[in-house]
N, C-alpha and C. Protein backbone atom coordinates (compact mmCIF):
# COMPACT_ATOMS: atom_id res chain seq x y z
N MET A 1 30.06 25.17 -71.80
CA MET A 1 28.87 25.59 -71.09
C MET A 1 29.22 25.78 -69.61
N TYR A 2 28.81 26.91 -69.06
CA TYR A 2 29.06 27.21 -67.65
C TYR A 2 28.20 26.32 -66.75
N SER A 3 28.79 25.94 -65.64
CA SER A 3 28.09 25.13 -64.65
C SER A 3 28.28 25.80 -63.29
N GLU A 4 27.20 25.93 -62.54
CA GLU A 4 27.28 26.55 -61.22
C GLU A 4 28.01 25.67 -60.21
N THR A 5 28.26 24.41 -60.56
CA THR A 5 28.91 23.49 -59.63
C THR A 5 30.43 23.45 -59.79
N LYS A 6 30.95 24.10 -60.81
CA LYS A 6 32.39 24.05 -61.07
C LYS A 6 32.96 25.47 -61.15
N LYS A 7 34.12 25.67 -60.54
CA LYS A 7 34.80 26.97 -60.59
C LYS A 7 35.49 27.09 -61.95
N THR A 8 35.26 28.20 -62.62
CA THR A 8 35.84 28.41 -63.95
C THR A 8 36.42 29.82 -64.05
N ASP A 9 37.04 30.12 -65.15
CA ASP A 9 37.63 31.40 -65.54
C ASP A 9 38.16 32.20 -64.35
N PHE A 10 37.56 33.34 -64.01
CA PHE A 10 38.08 34.20 -62.96
C PHE A 10 37.82 33.68 -61.55
N GLN A 11 37.05 32.62 -61.41
CA GLN A 11 36.82 32.01 -60.11
C GLN A 11 37.99 31.13 -59.66
N CYS A 12 38.77 30.64 -60.59
CA CYS A 12 39.84 29.69 -60.27
C CYS A 12 40.87 30.24 -59.28
N PRO A 13 41.39 31.45 -59.46
CA PRO A 13 42.38 31.94 -58.49
C PRO A 13 41.84 32.00 -57.06
N SER A 14 40.62 32.49 -56.90
CA SER A 14 40.04 32.57 -55.55
C SER A 14 39.85 31.19 -54.96
N ALA A 15 39.49 30.24 -55.79
CA ALA A 15 39.26 28.88 -55.30
C ALA A 15 40.56 28.22 -54.82
N ASP A 16 41.69 28.60 -55.41
CA ASP A 16 42.96 27.96 -55.07
C ASP A 16 43.88 28.78 -54.19
N ILE A 17 43.52 30.01 -53.89
CA ILE A 17 44.40 30.86 -53.09
C ILE A 17 44.62 30.28 -51.70
N GLU A 18 43.61 29.62 -51.15
CA GLU A 18 43.75 29.02 -49.83
C GLU A 18 44.79 27.89 -49.88
N THR A 19 44.75 27.09 -50.94
CA THR A 19 45.73 26.01 -51.09
C THR A 19 47.14 26.56 -51.17
N ILE A 20 47.33 27.63 -51.93
CA ILE A 20 48.65 28.23 -52.09
C ILE A 20 49.12 28.81 -50.75
N SER A 21 48.25 29.51 -50.05
CA SER A 21 48.59 30.09 -48.74
C SER A 21 48.98 29.01 -47.75
N LYS A 22 48.19 27.94 -47.70
CA LYS A 22 48.49 26.84 -46.78
C LYS A 22 49.82 26.17 -47.13
N THR A 23 50.12 26.08 -48.41
CA THR A 23 51.40 25.51 -48.84
C THR A 23 52.56 26.34 -48.29
N LEU A 24 52.45 27.66 -48.38
CA LEU A 24 53.51 28.53 -47.87
C LEU A 24 53.62 28.45 -46.36
N ILE A 25 52.50 28.51 -45.67
CA ILE A 25 52.51 28.53 -44.21
C ILE A 25 52.93 27.18 -43.62
N ALA A 26 52.88 26.13 -44.41
CA ALA A 26 53.33 24.81 -43.94
C ALA A 26 54.85 24.71 -43.84
N SER A 27 55.57 25.64 -44.48
CA SER A 27 57.03 25.62 -44.45
C SER A 27 57.55 26.32 -43.20
N ASP A 28 58.17 25.55 -42.30
CA ASP A 28 58.70 26.12 -41.07
C ASP A 28 59.71 27.24 -41.34
N ASP A 29 60.67 26.98 -42.23
CA ASP A 29 61.71 27.98 -42.50
C ASP A 29 61.13 29.25 -43.11
N LEU A 30 60.17 29.12 -43.99
CA LEU A 30 59.54 30.30 -44.59
C LEU A 30 58.82 31.11 -43.51
N CYS A 31 58.11 30.44 -42.64
CA CYS A 31 57.42 31.13 -41.54
C CYS A 31 58.41 31.88 -40.65
N LYS A 32 59.53 31.25 -40.35
CA LYS A 32 60.54 31.89 -39.51
C LYS A 32 61.14 33.12 -40.19
N LEU A 33 61.42 33.02 -41.48
CA LEU A 33 62.00 34.16 -42.21
C LEU A 33 61.03 35.33 -42.26
N LEU A 34 59.74 35.05 -42.35
CA LEU A 34 58.75 36.11 -42.38
C LEU A 34 58.52 36.73 -41.01
N TYR A 35 58.46 35.90 -40.00
CA TYR A 35 58.02 36.37 -38.68
C TYR A 35 59.13 36.98 -37.83
N PHE A 36 60.25 36.31 -37.75
CA PHE A 36 61.32 36.77 -36.84
C PHE A 36 62.20 37.80 -37.54
N THR A 37 62.48 38.90 -36.84
CA THR A 37 63.15 40.04 -37.48
C THR A 37 64.62 40.17 -37.13
N ASP A 38 65.15 39.27 -36.33
CA ASP A 38 66.57 39.37 -35.97
C ASP A 38 67.44 38.75 -37.07
N SER A 39 68.74 38.73 -36.84
CA SER A 39 69.67 38.25 -37.88
C SER A 39 69.78 36.72 -37.93
N LYS A 40 69.14 36.02 -37.01
CA LYS A 40 69.15 34.55 -37.03
C LYS A 40 67.73 34.00 -36.91
N PRO A 41 66.88 34.30 -37.88
CA PRO A 41 65.48 33.88 -37.77
C PRO A 41 65.29 32.37 -37.78
N LEU A 42 66.19 31.64 -38.43
CA LEU A 42 66.04 30.19 -38.51
C LEU A 42 66.35 29.48 -37.20
N ALA A 43 66.94 30.19 -36.25
CA ALA A 43 67.29 29.59 -34.96
C ALA A 43 66.11 29.56 -33.99
N HIS A 44 65.03 30.24 -34.31
CA HIS A 44 63.88 30.33 -33.42
C HIS A 44 63.00 29.09 -33.49
N GLU A 45 62.22 28.92 -32.45
CA GLU A 45 61.19 27.89 -32.42
C GLU A 45 59.90 28.49 -32.99
N LEU A 46 59.20 27.71 -33.76
CA LEU A 46 57.95 28.16 -34.36
C LEU A 46 56.79 27.53 -33.59
N THR A 47 55.89 28.37 -33.08
CA THR A 47 54.73 27.86 -32.34
C THR A 47 53.52 27.82 -33.26
N ASP A 48 52.51 27.09 -32.83
CA ASP A 48 51.25 27.03 -33.59
C ASP A 48 50.60 28.42 -33.66
N GLU A 49 50.76 29.19 -32.59
CA GLU A 49 50.18 30.55 -32.56
C GLU A 49 50.84 31.45 -33.60
N ILE A 50 52.16 31.35 -33.70
CA ILE A 50 52.87 32.16 -34.70
C ILE A 50 52.43 31.75 -36.10
N ARG A 51 52.41 30.45 -36.36
CA ARG A 51 52.00 29.97 -37.69
C ARG A 51 50.60 30.47 -38.03
N ALA A 52 49.68 30.41 -37.07
CA ALA A 52 48.31 30.86 -37.31
C ALA A 52 48.26 32.36 -37.59
N SER A 53 49.13 33.13 -36.95
CA SER A 53 49.10 34.58 -37.13
C SER A 53 49.63 35.02 -38.50
N LEU A 54 50.38 34.17 -39.18
CA LEU A 54 50.99 34.58 -40.44
C LEU A 54 49.96 34.97 -41.51
N PHE A 55 48.85 34.28 -41.53
CA PHE A 55 47.79 34.63 -42.48
C PHE A 55 46.93 35.75 -41.92
N ASP A 56 46.54 35.63 -40.66
CA ASP A 56 45.66 36.63 -40.05
C ASP A 56 46.29 38.02 -40.00
N ASP A 57 47.59 38.09 -39.80
CA ASP A 57 48.28 39.38 -39.69
C ASP A 57 48.98 39.80 -40.98
N ASN A 58 48.61 39.17 -42.09
CA ASN A 58 49.07 39.54 -43.44
C ASN A 58 50.57 39.40 -43.67
N TYR A 59 51.21 38.46 -42.99
CA TYR A 59 52.57 38.10 -43.38
C TYR A 59 52.50 37.36 -44.72
N VAL A 60 51.43 36.59 -44.89
CA VAL A 60 51.07 35.98 -46.17
C VAL A 60 49.71 36.56 -46.50
N SER A 61 49.67 37.37 -47.56
CA SER A 61 48.45 38.12 -47.88
C SER A 61 47.92 37.72 -49.25
N ILE A 62 46.61 37.62 -49.35
CA ILE A 62 45.97 37.29 -50.63
C ILE A 62 45.32 38.52 -51.26
N ILE A 63 45.48 39.64 -50.62
CA ILE A 63 44.97 40.91 -51.17
C ILE A 63 46.16 41.66 -51.72
N PRO A 64 46.13 42.03 -53.01
CA PRO A 64 47.32 42.65 -53.64
C PRO A 64 47.59 44.07 -53.17
N TRP A 65 48.04 44.17 -51.93
CA TRP A 65 48.37 45.45 -51.33
C TRP A 65 49.30 45.17 -50.16
N THR A 66 50.23 46.06 -49.94
CA THR A 66 51.08 45.97 -48.77
C THR A 66 51.26 47.36 -48.20
N ASN A 67 51.42 47.45 -46.90
CA ASN A 67 51.67 48.73 -46.27
C ASN A 67 53.18 48.98 -46.30
N ALA A 68 53.64 49.67 -47.31
CA ALA A 68 55.08 49.90 -47.49
C ALA A 68 55.66 50.79 -46.41
N ASP A 69 54.82 51.42 -45.62
CA ASP A 69 55.32 52.24 -44.52
C ASP A 69 55.62 51.41 -43.28
N THR A 70 55.21 50.14 -43.30
CA THR A 70 55.49 49.26 -42.17
C THR A 70 56.92 48.78 -42.29
N LYS A 71 57.78 49.25 -41.42
CA LYS A 71 59.20 48.96 -41.52
C LYS A 71 59.58 47.66 -40.82
N GLU A 72 58.76 47.18 -39.93
CA GLU A 72 59.20 46.09 -39.07
C GLU A 72 58.76 44.70 -39.51
N LYS A 73 58.06 44.55 -40.62
CA LYS A 73 57.47 43.26 -40.95
C LYS A 73 57.73 42.88 -42.41
N SER A 74 58.14 41.63 -42.61
CA SER A 74 58.26 41.07 -43.95
C SER A 74 56.93 40.45 -44.33
N ASN A 75 56.64 40.39 -45.63
CA ASN A 75 55.43 39.71 -46.05
C ASN A 75 55.52 39.26 -47.50
N ILE A 76 54.60 38.37 -47.85
CA ILE A 76 54.44 37.89 -49.21
C ILE A 76 53.01 38.20 -49.62
N VAL A 77 52.86 38.86 -50.75
CA VAL A 77 51.54 39.15 -51.30
C VAL A 77 51.35 38.23 -52.51
N ILE A 78 50.29 37.44 -52.48
CA ILE A 78 49.98 36.52 -53.56
C ILE A 78 48.91 37.15 -54.44
N SER A 79 49.15 37.20 -55.75
CA SER A 79 48.14 37.76 -56.65
C SER A 79 48.22 37.07 -58.01
N PHE A 80 47.27 37.39 -58.85
CA PHE A 80 47.17 36.82 -60.20
C PHE A 80 47.06 37.96 -61.20
N ASP A 81 47.57 37.72 -62.41
CA ASP A 81 47.54 38.75 -63.45
C ASP A 81 47.62 38.07 -64.81
N ASN A 82 47.53 38.86 -65.85
CA ASN A 82 47.74 38.40 -67.23
C ASN A 82 46.87 37.21 -67.61
N PHE A 83 45.58 37.33 -67.40
CA PHE A 83 44.66 36.26 -67.75
C PHE A 83 44.52 36.17 -69.27
N MET A 84 44.64 34.95 -69.77
CA MET A 84 44.55 34.70 -71.22
C MET A 84 43.67 33.48 -71.45
N PRO A 85 42.87 33.48 -72.51
CA PRO A 85 42.05 32.30 -72.78
C PRO A 85 42.93 31.11 -73.17
N THR A 86 42.49 29.92 -72.76
CA THR A 86 43.21 28.72 -73.18
C THR A 86 42.71 28.33 -74.57
N ILE A 87 43.53 27.65 -75.29
CA ILE A 87 43.17 27.22 -76.64
C ILE A 87 42.19 26.06 -76.59
N THR A 88 42.34 25.21 -75.60
CA THR A 88 41.56 23.97 -75.57
C THR A 88 40.22 24.05 -74.85
N ASN A 89 40.05 25.02 -73.93
CA ASN A 89 38.81 25.07 -73.16
C ASN A 89 38.52 26.51 -72.76
N SER A 90 37.50 27.10 -73.34
CA SER A 90 37.19 28.52 -73.10
C SER A 90 36.69 28.80 -71.69
N LEU A 91 36.37 27.77 -70.92
CA LEU A 91 35.90 27.98 -69.55
C LEU A 91 37.05 28.26 -68.59
N PHE A 92 38.28 28.00 -69.03
CA PHE A 92 39.44 28.18 -68.17
C PHE A 92 40.42 29.15 -68.80
N MET A 93 41.29 29.69 -67.99
CA MET A 93 42.26 30.67 -68.47
C MET A 93 43.65 30.33 -67.97
N ASP A 94 44.63 30.70 -68.77
CA ASP A 94 46.01 30.70 -68.30
C ASP A 94 46.22 32.05 -67.61
N SER A 95 47.15 32.09 -66.68
CA SER A 95 47.38 33.35 -65.97
C SER A 95 48.79 33.36 -65.41
N THR A 96 49.10 34.43 -64.68
CA THR A 96 50.38 34.55 -64.00
C THR A 96 50.12 34.61 -62.51
N LEU A 97 50.82 33.75 -61.78
CA LEU A 97 50.78 33.75 -60.32
C LEU A 97 51.97 34.56 -59.84
N ILE A 98 51.71 35.55 -58.98
CA ILE A 98 52.76 36.48 -58.56
C ILE A 98 52.93 36.41 -57.04
N PHE A 99 54.18 36.35 -56.62
CA PHE A 99 54.53 36.44 -55.21
C PHE A 99 55.40 37.68 -55.04
N ASP A 100 54.85 38.72 -54.42
CA ASP A 100 55.63 39.91 -54.11
C ASP A 100 56.16 39.76 -52.69
N ILE A 101 57.47 39.70 -52.57
CA ILE A 101 58.15 39.50 -51.30
C ILE A 101 58.70 40.84 -50.86
N MET A 102 58.20 41.34 -49.74
CA MET A 102 58.61 42.64 -49.24
C MET A 102 59.28 42.47 -47.87
N CYS A 103 60.44 43.09 -47.72
CA CYS A 103 61.17 43.02 -46.45
C CYS A 103 61.73 44.39 -46.10
N PRO A 104 61.67 44.74 -44.82
CA PRO A 104 62.35 45.97 -44.41
C PRO A 104 63.84 45.85 -44.73
N ARG A 105 64.40 46.87 -45.32
CA ARG A 105 65.82 46.82 -45.70
C ARG A 105 66.74 46.65 -44.49
N SER A 106 66.28 47.09 -43.34
CA SER A 106 67.10 46.98 -42.13
C SER A 106 67.29 45.54 -41.67
N ILE A 107 66.48 44.60 -42.18
CA ILE A 107 66.60 43.20 -41.75
C ILE A 107 66.92 42.26 -42.92
N TRP A 108 67.45 42.79 -44.01
CA TRP A 108 67.80 41.95 -45.16
C TRP A 108 68.92 40.98 -44.83
N LYS A 109 69.97 41.44 -44.17
CA LYS A 109 71.12 40.56 -43.88
C LYS A 109 70.79 39.65 -42.73
N ILE A 110 70.90 38.33 -42.99
CA ILE A 110 70.66 37.34 -41.95
C ILE A 110 71.74 36.26 -42.04
N LYS A 111 71.77 35.42 -41.03
CA LYS A 111 72.68 34.27 -41.02
C LYS A 111 71.87 33.01 -41.36
N ASP A 112 72.42 32.20 -42.27
CA ASP A 112 71.76 30.95 -42.61
C ASP A 112 72.17 29.87 -41.61
N ARG A 113 71.79 28.65 -41.87
CA ARG A 113 72.09 27.55 -40.94
C ARG A 113 73.59 27.26 -40.83
N GLN A 114 74.38 27.68 -41.82
CA GLN A 114 75.83 27.52 -41.78
C GLN A 114 76.52 28.77 -41.26
N ASN A 115 75.72 29.70 -40.73
CA ASN A 115 76.21 30.97 -40.18
C ASN A 115 76.85 31.87 -41.24
N LYS A 116 76.42 31.72 -42.49
CA LYS A 116 76.88 32.59 -43.57
C LYS A 116 75.86 33.69 -43.78
N THR A 117 76.35 34.87 -44.15
CA THR A 117 75.45 35.99 -44.39
C THR A 117 74.74 35.80 -45.73
N VAL A 118 73.42 35.87 -45.68
CA VAL A 118 72.57 35.78 -46.87
C VAL A 118 71.54 36.89 -46.79
N LEU A 119 70.79 37.07 -47.86
CA LEU A 119 69.77 38.12 -47.90
C LEU A 119 68.38 37.52 -47.75
N ARG A 120 67.66 38.02 -46.76
CA ARG A 120 66.34 37.49 -46.40
C ARG A 120 65.38 37.37 -47.59
N PRO A 121 65.19 38.41 -48.42
CA PRO A 121 64.20 38.24 -49.50
C PRO A 121 64.58 37.15 -50.49
N TYR A 122 65.87 36.94 -50.71
CA TYR A 122 66.30 35.89 -51.63
C TYR A 122 66.12 34.51 -51.01
N GLU A 123 66.29 34.41 -49.71
CA GLU A 123 66.04 33.13 -49.02
C GLU A 123 64.54 32.82 -49.04
N ILE A 124 63.72 33.83 -48.83
CA ILE A 124 62.26 33.64 -48.92
C ILE A 124 61.90 33.22 -50.35
N ALA A 125 62.47 33.89 -51.34
CA ALA A 125 62.19 33.55 -52.74
C ALA A 125 62.60 32.11 -53.04
N HIS A 126 63.73 31.68 -52.52
CA HIS A 126 64.19 30.31 -52.73
C HIS A 126 63.16 29.31 -52.19
N LEU A 127 62.66 29.55 -50.99
CA LEU A 127 61.69 28.64 -50.38
C LEU A 127 60.37 28.64 -51.14
N VAL A 128 59.89 29.81 -51.54
CA VAL A 128 58.66 29.89 -52.33
C VAL A 128 58.85 29.12 -53.63
N HIS A 129 59.99 29.32 -54.27
CA HIS A 129 60.27 28.65 -55.54
C HIS A 129 60.24 27.13 -55.38
N LYS A 130 60.85 26.63 -54.32
CA LYS A 130 60.85 25.18 -54.07
C LYS A 130 59.42 24.65 -53.87
N LEU A 131 58.56 25.44 -53.27
CA LEU A 131 57.20 25.01 -52.97
C LEU A 131 56.25 25.12 -54.15
N VAL A 132 56.57 25.98 -55.12
CA VAL A 132 55.60 26.30 -56.16
C VAL A 132 56.01 25.82 -57.56
N ASP A 133 57.26 25.98 -57.93
CA ASP A 133 57.67 25.70 -59.32
C ASP A 133 57.39 24.25 -59.71
N GLY A 134 56.67 24.10 -60.82
CA GLY A 134 56.36 22.77 -61.34
C GLY A 134 55.21 22.07 -60.66
N LYS A 135 54.59 22.73 -59.67
CA LYS A 135 53.49 22.11 -58.93
C LYS A 135 52.17 22.34 -59.66
N ARG A 136 51.32 21.36 -59.56
CA ARG A 136 49.97 21.45 -60.14
C ARG A 136 49.01 21.90 -59.05
N PHE A 137 48.31 22.97 -59.31
CA PHE A 137 47.27 23.45 -58.40
C PHE A 137 45.93 23.20 -59.06
N SER A 138 44.99 22.65 -58.33
CA SER A 138 43.68 22.36 -58.92
C SER A 138 43.03 23.66 -59.35
N GLY A 139 42.45 23.64 -60.52
CA GLY A 139 41.72 24.80 -61.02
C GLY A 139 42.58 25.82 -61.73
N ILE A 140 43.83 26.03 -61.30
CA ILE A 140 44.64 27.05 -61.94
C ILE A 140 45.80 26.49 -62.74
N GLY A 141 45.96 25.19 -62.73
CA GLY A 141 46.99 24.59 -63.56
C GLY A 141 48.33 24.42 -62.90
N THR A 142 49.34 24.22 -63.73
CA THR A 142 50.69 23.96 -63.28
C THR A 142 51.50 25.24 -63.28
N ALA A 143 52.21 25.49 -62.19
CA ALA A 143 53.02 26.71 -62.06
C ALA A 143 54.41 26.45 -62.63
N VAL A 144 54.81 27.27 -63.59
CA VAL A 144 56.13 27.18 -64.21
C VAL A 144 56.81 28.54 -64.06
N PHE A 145 58.00 28.54 -63.46
CA PHE A 145 58.70 29.80 -63.22
C PHE A 145 58.86 30.58 -64.51
N SER A 146 58.53 31.86 -64.44
CA SER A 146 58.64 32.74 -65.60
C SER A 146 59.78 33.73 -65.43
N ASN A 147 59.77 34.50 -64.31
CA ASN A 147 60.83 35.46 -64.06
C ASN A 147 60.73 36.02 -62.65
N ALA A 148 61.75 36.76 -62.29
CA ALA A 148 61.78 37.46 -61.01
C ALA A 148 62.40 38.82 -61.24
N GLN A 149 61.96 39.79 -60.49
CA GLN A 149 62.54 41.12 -60.60
C GLN A 149 62.53 41.80 -59.24
N SER A 150 63.43 42.75 -59.09
CA SER A 150 63.51 43.51 -57.85
C SER A 150 62.30 44.41 -57.70
N ILE A 151 61.89 44.60 -56.46
CA ILE A 151 60.85 45.57 -56.15
C ILE A 151 61.54 46.74 -55.47
N ILE A 152 61.48 47.86 -56.11
CA ILE A 152 62.05 49.09 -55.56
C ILE A 152 60.93 50.12 -55.52
N ILE A 153 60.63 50.60 -54.34
CA ILE A 153 59.58 51.60 -54.18
C ILE A 153 60.27 52.95 -54.08
N PRO A 154 60.19 53.76 -55.13
CA PRO A 154 60.96 55.00 -55.18
C PRO A 154 60.77 55.93 -53.99
N ALA A 155 59.57 56.02 -53.48
CA ALA A 155 59.31 56.97 -52.39
C ALA A 155 59.52 56.34 -51.01
N ASN A 156 60.05 55.10 -50.99
CA ASN A 156 60.18 54.42 -49.71
C ASN A 156 61.59 53.88 -49.54
N GLU A 157 62.27 54.37 -48.54
CA GLU A 157 63.65 53.94 -48.29
C GLU A 157 63.73 52.76 -47.33
N TYR A 158 62.60 52.30 -46.81
CA TYR A 158 62.61 51.28 -45.76
C TYR A 158 62.36 49.86 -46.25
N VAL A 159 61.59 49.71 -47.33
CA VAL A 159 61.13 48.39 -47.76
C VAL A 159 61.52 48.13 -49.20
N GLY A 160 61.89 46.89 -49.50
CA GLY A 160 62.18 46.46 -50.86
C GLY A 160 62.09 44.96 -50.93
N GLY A 161 62.22 44.41 -52.12
CA GLY A 161 62.12 42.96 -52.21
C GLY A 161 62.20 42.44 -53.62
N LEU A 162 61.49 41.33 -53.85
CA LEU A 162 61.48 40.63 -55.13
C LEU A 162 60.05 40.28 -55.52
N SER A 163 59.83 40.21 -56.81
CA SER A 163 58.56 39.74 -57.34
C SER A 163 58.84 38.49 -58.16
N LEU A 164 58.25 37.37 -57.77
CA LEU A 164 58.38 36.11 -58.50
C LEU A 164 57.13 35.90 -59.32
N ARG A 165 57.32 35.46 -60.56
CA ARG A 165 56.18 35.24 -61.45
C ARG A 165 56.22 33.82 -62.00
N TYR A 166 55.06 33.17 -61.97
CA TYR A 166 54.91 31.82 -62.49
C TYR A 166 53.77 31.80 -63.50
N THR A 167 54.03 31.23 -64.65
CA THR A 167 52.97 31.06 -65.64
C THR A 167 52.14 29.87 -65.23
N LEU A 168 50.83 30.06 -65.22
CA LEU A 168 49.91 28.98 -64.89
C LEU A 168 49.21 28.55 -66.16
N THR A 169 49.53 27.37 -66.63
CA THR A 169 48.89 26.83 -67.82
C THR A 169 47.83 25.86 -67.35
N ASN A 170 46.60 26.21 -67.65
CA ASN A 170 45.49 25.40 -67.17
C ASN A 170 45.30 24.23 -68.11
N ASN A 171 45.55 23.04 -67.59
CA ASN A 171 45.38 21.84 -68.41
C ASN A 171 44.11 21.09 -68.00
N ALA A 172 43.06 21.85 -67.69
CA ALA A 172 41.79 21.23 -67.32
C ALA A 172 41.04 20.78 -68.55
């Protein structure tokens, strides 16, 4: 039975998107990789103003869209897909949590803390994975890594990245 006091079915992702966004923005290294565009983003200092701008300026976006013509900015788009009814409770659904990581190709190569060359989108993916895999989010269940694939935009030579997918099994 539906209750107006509890978030159910398609309301769950919206109810938890703020929690997921805050989890990402709480990571200093993730914020630095998204915001700073030089080859040593981890060497920068992170200010409260920069951290606040990451959500407001769509470095971390909850709307499933990115401006692929923007060459100078990396971002993560958080979205949900593949909603399926749960066997145990029809008020809730299992779904897929998706993180689309987009980076200008001109800033993919960066130096890590050991001064080794690494690829920015894969470092971002690593940090997202550490923050999300196996974690329980209220309302949407536990995130379990499903797969990752390259994002290649055929008509765009400037931007590319990775798409991470997590199965959310709602154990409510």
